[in-house]
Amino acid sequence: MHRTQVGNDNLSDLDEYMLTGDVARRFDVSAVTVRLWSDCGRLRSLRTASGTRLFARRDVEQFAQWRAK
């Protein structure tokens, strides 16, 4: 899996991350699709202590480039 659990205090700059809904809007897909991409390892995510998925903007952009090929 490409998922790591982190505490909120370990994330130095939340502006560098996107929520599931943000990623879904970026690709015009459902949040369920984004969660599936994360669960199968196609798109890396972090989990906060409360379980919220966070996606690094750089990972989302790399995924977008891969998807465009």
N, C-alpha and C. Protein backbone atom coordinates (compact mmCIF):
# COMPACT_ATOMS: atom_id res chain seq x y z
N MET A 1 0.83 -1.18 0.00
CA MET A 1 0.00 0.00 0.00
C MET A 1 0.88 1.24 0.00
N HIS A 2 0.37 2.28 -0.59
CA HIS A 2 1.07 3.56 -0.63
C HIS A 2 0.36 4.54 0.29
N ARG A 3 0.13 4.10 1.51
CA ARG A 3 -0.63 4.92 2.44
C ARG A 3 0.14 4.95 3.75
N THR A 4 0.19 6.11 4.36
CA THR A 4 0.88 6.28 5.62
C THR A 4 -0.03 7.02 6.57
N GLN A 5 -0.05 6.61 7.83
CA GLN A 5 -0.85 7.34 8.81
C GLN A 5 0.05 8.36 9.48
N VAL A 6 -0.44 9.57 9.59
CA VAL A 6 0.33 10.64 10.21
C VAL A 6 -0.55 11.40 11.17
N GLY A 7 0.06 11.98 12.16
CA GLY A 7 -0.66 12.90 13.03
C GLY A 7 -0.69 14.26 12.39
N ASN A 8 -1.69 15.05 12.68
CA ASN A 8 -1.81 16.37 12.06
C ASN A 8 -0.58 17.24 12.31
N ASP A 9 0.08 17.06 13.46
CA ASP A 9 1.23 17.90 13.75
C ASP A 9 2.45 17.50 12.93
N ASN A 10 2.41 16.38 12.23
CA ASN A 10 3.52 15.98 11.36
C ASN A 10 3.42 16.61 9.97
N LEU A 11 2.34 17.21 9.66
CA LEU A 11 2.15 17.82 8.34
C LEU A 11 2.48 19.30 8.45
N SER A 12 3.62 19.67 7.92
CA SER A 12 4.11 21.04 8.10
C SER A 12 3.32 22.06 7.29
N ASP A 13 2.83 21.69 6.12
CA ASP A 13 2.15 22.66 5.26
C ASP A 13 0.95 22.00 4.59
N LEU A 14 -0.22 22.19 5.18
CA LEU A 14 -1.42 21.54 4.64
C LEU A 14 -1.77 22.03 3.24
N ASP A 15 -1.24 23.19 2.83
CA ASP A 15 -1.50 23.67 1.47
C ASP A 15 -0.90 22.75 0.42
N GLU A 16 0.04 21.92 0.81
CA GLU A 16 0.69 20.99 -0.11
C GLU A 16 -0.15 19.73 -0.34
N TYR A 17 -1.29 19.63 0.33
CA TYR A 17 -2.12 18.43 0.26
C TYR A 17 -3.52 18.75 -0.23
N MET A 18 -4.16 17.74 -0.80
CA MET A 18 -5.53 17.86 -1.27
C MET A 18 -6.37 16.79 -0.58
N LEU A 19 -7.63 17.11 -0.35
CA LEU A 19 -8.58 16.15 0.21
C LEU A 19 -9.16 15.30 -0.92
N THR A 20 -9.82 14.22 -0.54
CA THR A 20 -10.41 13.30 -1.52
C THR A 20 -11.34 14.04 -2.48
N GLY A 21 -12.18 14.91 -1.96
CA GLY A 21 -13.11 15.66 -2.81
C GLY A 21 -12.40 16.58 -3.79
N ASP A 22 -11.30 17.17 -3.35
CA ASP A 22 -10.52 18.04 -4.24
C ASP A 22 -9.95 17.24 -5.41
N VAL A 23 -9.43 16.06 -5.10
CA VAL A 23 -8.86 15.20 -6.15
C VAL A 23 -9.97 14.74 -7.09
N ALA A 24 -11.12 14.40 -6.53
CA ALA A 24 -12.25 13.96 -7.36
C ALA A 24 -12.66 15.06 -8.34
N ARG A 25 -12.73 16.30 -7.86
CA ARG A 25 -13.08 17.41 -8.76
C ARG A 25 -11.99 17.63 -9.81
N ARG A 26 -10.74 17.47 -9.42
CA ARG A 26 -9.62 17.66 -10.36
C ARG A 26 -9.73 16.73 -11.56
N PHE A 27 -10.20 15.49 -11.31
CA PHE A 27 -10.28 14.49 -12.38
C PHE A 27 -11.71 14.25 -12.86
N ASP A 28 -12.66 14.99 -12.30
CA ASP A 28 -14.07 14.83 -12.67
C ASP A 28 -14.54 13.38 -12.48
N VAL A 29 -14.23 12.84 -11.30
CA VAL A 29 -14.65 11.49 -10.92
C VAL A 29 -15.27 11.57 -9.53
N SER A 30 -15.82 10.46 -9.08
CA SER A 30 -16.42 10.43 -7.75
C SER A 30 -15.34 10.25 -6.67
N ALA A 31 -15.70 10.59 -5.45
CA ALA A 31 -14.81 10.37 -4.31
C ALA A 31 -14.53 8.88 -4.14
N VAL A 32 -15.51 8.05 -4.46
CA VAL A 32 -15.32 6.60 -4.37
C VAL A 32 -14.20 6.16 -5.31
N THR A 33 -14.16 6.71 -6.51
CA THR A 33 -13.10 6.37 -7.47
C THR A 33 -11.74 6.76 -6.92
N VAL A 34 -11.64 7.93 -6.33
CA VAL A 34 -10.37 8.38 -5.75
C VAL A 34 -9.94 7.45 -4.63
N ARG A 35 -10.87 7.04 -3.78
CA ARG A 35 -10.54 6.10 -2.70
C ARG A 35 -10.08 4.77 -3.27
N LEU A 36 -10.69 4.31 -4.34
CA LEU A 36 -10.26 3.06 -4.98
C LEU A 36 -8.85 3.20 -5.54
N TRP A 37 -8.55 4.32 -6.19
CA TRP A 37 -7.20 4.56 -6.70
C TRP A 37 -6.19 4.49 -5.55
N SER A 38 -6.56 5.08 -4.43
CA SER A 38 -5.68 5.08 -3.27
C SER A 38 -5.52 3.67 -2.70
N ASP A 39 -6.63 2.97 -2.56
CA ASP A 39 -6.60 1.62 -1.97
C ASP A 39 -5.80 0.64 -2.81
N CYS A 40 -5.83 0.80 -4.13
CA CYS A 40 -5.10 -0.15 -4.99
C CYS A 40 -3.67 0.31 -5.27
N GLY A 41 -3.28 1.47 -4.74
CA GLY A 41 -1.90 1.92 -4.87
C GLY A 41 -1.60 2.78 -6.08
N ARG A 42 -2.60 3.14 -6.84
CA ARG A 42 -2.36 3.99 -8.02
C ARG A 42 -2.05 5.43 -7.64
N LEU A 43 -2.62 5.87 -6.53
CA LEU A 43 -2.44 7.25 -6.08
C LEU A 43 -2.13 7.22 -4.59
N ARG A 44 -0.94 7.68 -4.23
CA ARG A 44 -0.52 7.64 -2.83
C ARG A 44 -1.34 8.60 -1.99
N SER A 45 -1.59 8.19 -0.76
CA SER A 45 -2.28 9.07 0.18
C SER A 45 -1.71 8.88 1.57
N LEU A 46 -1.95 9.87 2.39
CA LEU A 46 -1.63 9.83 3.81
C LEU A 46 -2.95 9.79 4.55
N ARG A 47 -2.92 9.29 5.76
CA ARG A 47 -4.12 9.31 6.60
C ARG A 47 -3.79 10.09 7.86
N THR A 48 -4.68 11.00 8.23
CA THR A 48 -4.53 11.68 9.51
C THR A 48 -4.98 10.73 10.61
N ALA A 49 -4.76 11.12 11.84
CA ALA A 49 -5.17 10.30 12.98
C ALA A 49 -6.68 10.06 12.96
N SER A 50 -7.44 11.00 12.40
CA SER A 50 -8.90 10.85 12.34
C SER A 50 -9.35 10.07 11.11
N GLY A 51 -8.41 9.66 10.24
CA GLY A 51 -8.75 8.85 9.08
C GLY A 51 -8.94 9.60 7.78
N THR A 52 -8.80 10.91 7.81
CA THR A 52 -8.94 11.71 6.60
C THR A 52 -7.78 11.42 5.65
N ARG A 53 -8.11 11.18 4.38
CA ARG A 53 -7.06 10.96 3.38
C ARG A 53 -6.55 12.29 2.88
N LEU A 54 -5.24 12.37 2.75
CA LEU A 54 -4.59 13.55 2.19
C LEU A 54 -3.72 13.10 1.03
N PHE A 55 -3.77 13.85 -0.05
CA PHE A 55 -3.01 13.54 -1.26
C PHE A 55 -2.05 14.69 -1.52
N ALA A 56 -0.77 14.39 -1.62
CA ALA A 56 0.22 15.43 -1.91
C ALA A 56 -0.03 15.96 -3.33
N ARG A 57 -0.02 17.27 -3.46
CA ARG A 57 -0.28 17.88 -4.78
C ARG A 57 0.69 17.36 -5.84
N ARG A 58 1.95 17.16 -5.48
CA ARG A 58 2.93 16.66 -6.45
C ARG A 58 2.57 15.25 -6.91
N ASP A 59 2.04 14.41 -6.00
CA ASP A 59 1.61 13.06 -6.38
C ASP A 59 0.40 13.11 -7.30
N VAL A 60 -0.51 14.03 -7.02
CA VAL A 60 -1.70 14.18 -7.87
C VAL A 60 -1.29 14.62 -9.27
N GLU A 61 -0.35 15.54 -9.37
CA GLU A 61 0.10 16.00 -10.69
C GLU A 61 0.85 14.90 -11.44
N GLN A 62 1.66 14.12 -10.73
CA GLN A 62 2.33 12.98 -11.38
C GLN A 62 1.31 11.97 -11.88
N PHE A 63 0.29 11.73 -11.08
CA PHE A 63 -0.77 10.81 -11.47
C PHE A 63 -1.50 11.34 -12.71
N ALA A 64 -1.74 12.64 -12.75
CA ALA A 64 -2.41 13.25 -13.90
C ALA A 64 -1.58 13.06 -15.17
N GLN A 65 -0.26 13.22 -15.06
CA GLN A 65 0.61 13.02 -16.22
C GLN A 65 0.59 11.57 -16.66
N TRP A 66 0.63 10.64 -15.71
CA TRP A 66 0.57 9.22 -16.04
C TRP A 66 -0.75 8.88 -16.71
N ARG A 67 -1.83 9.44 -16.19
CA ARG A 67 -3.16 9.15 -16.72
C ARG A 67 -3.35 9.70 -18.13
N ALA A 68 -2.66 10.79 -18.44
CA ALA A 68 -2.80 11.44 -19.75
C ALA A 68 -2.09 10.67 -20.86
N LYS A 69 -1.21 9.76 -20.50
CA LYS A 69 -0.44 9.01 -21.52
C LYS A 69 -1.30 8.00 -22.23
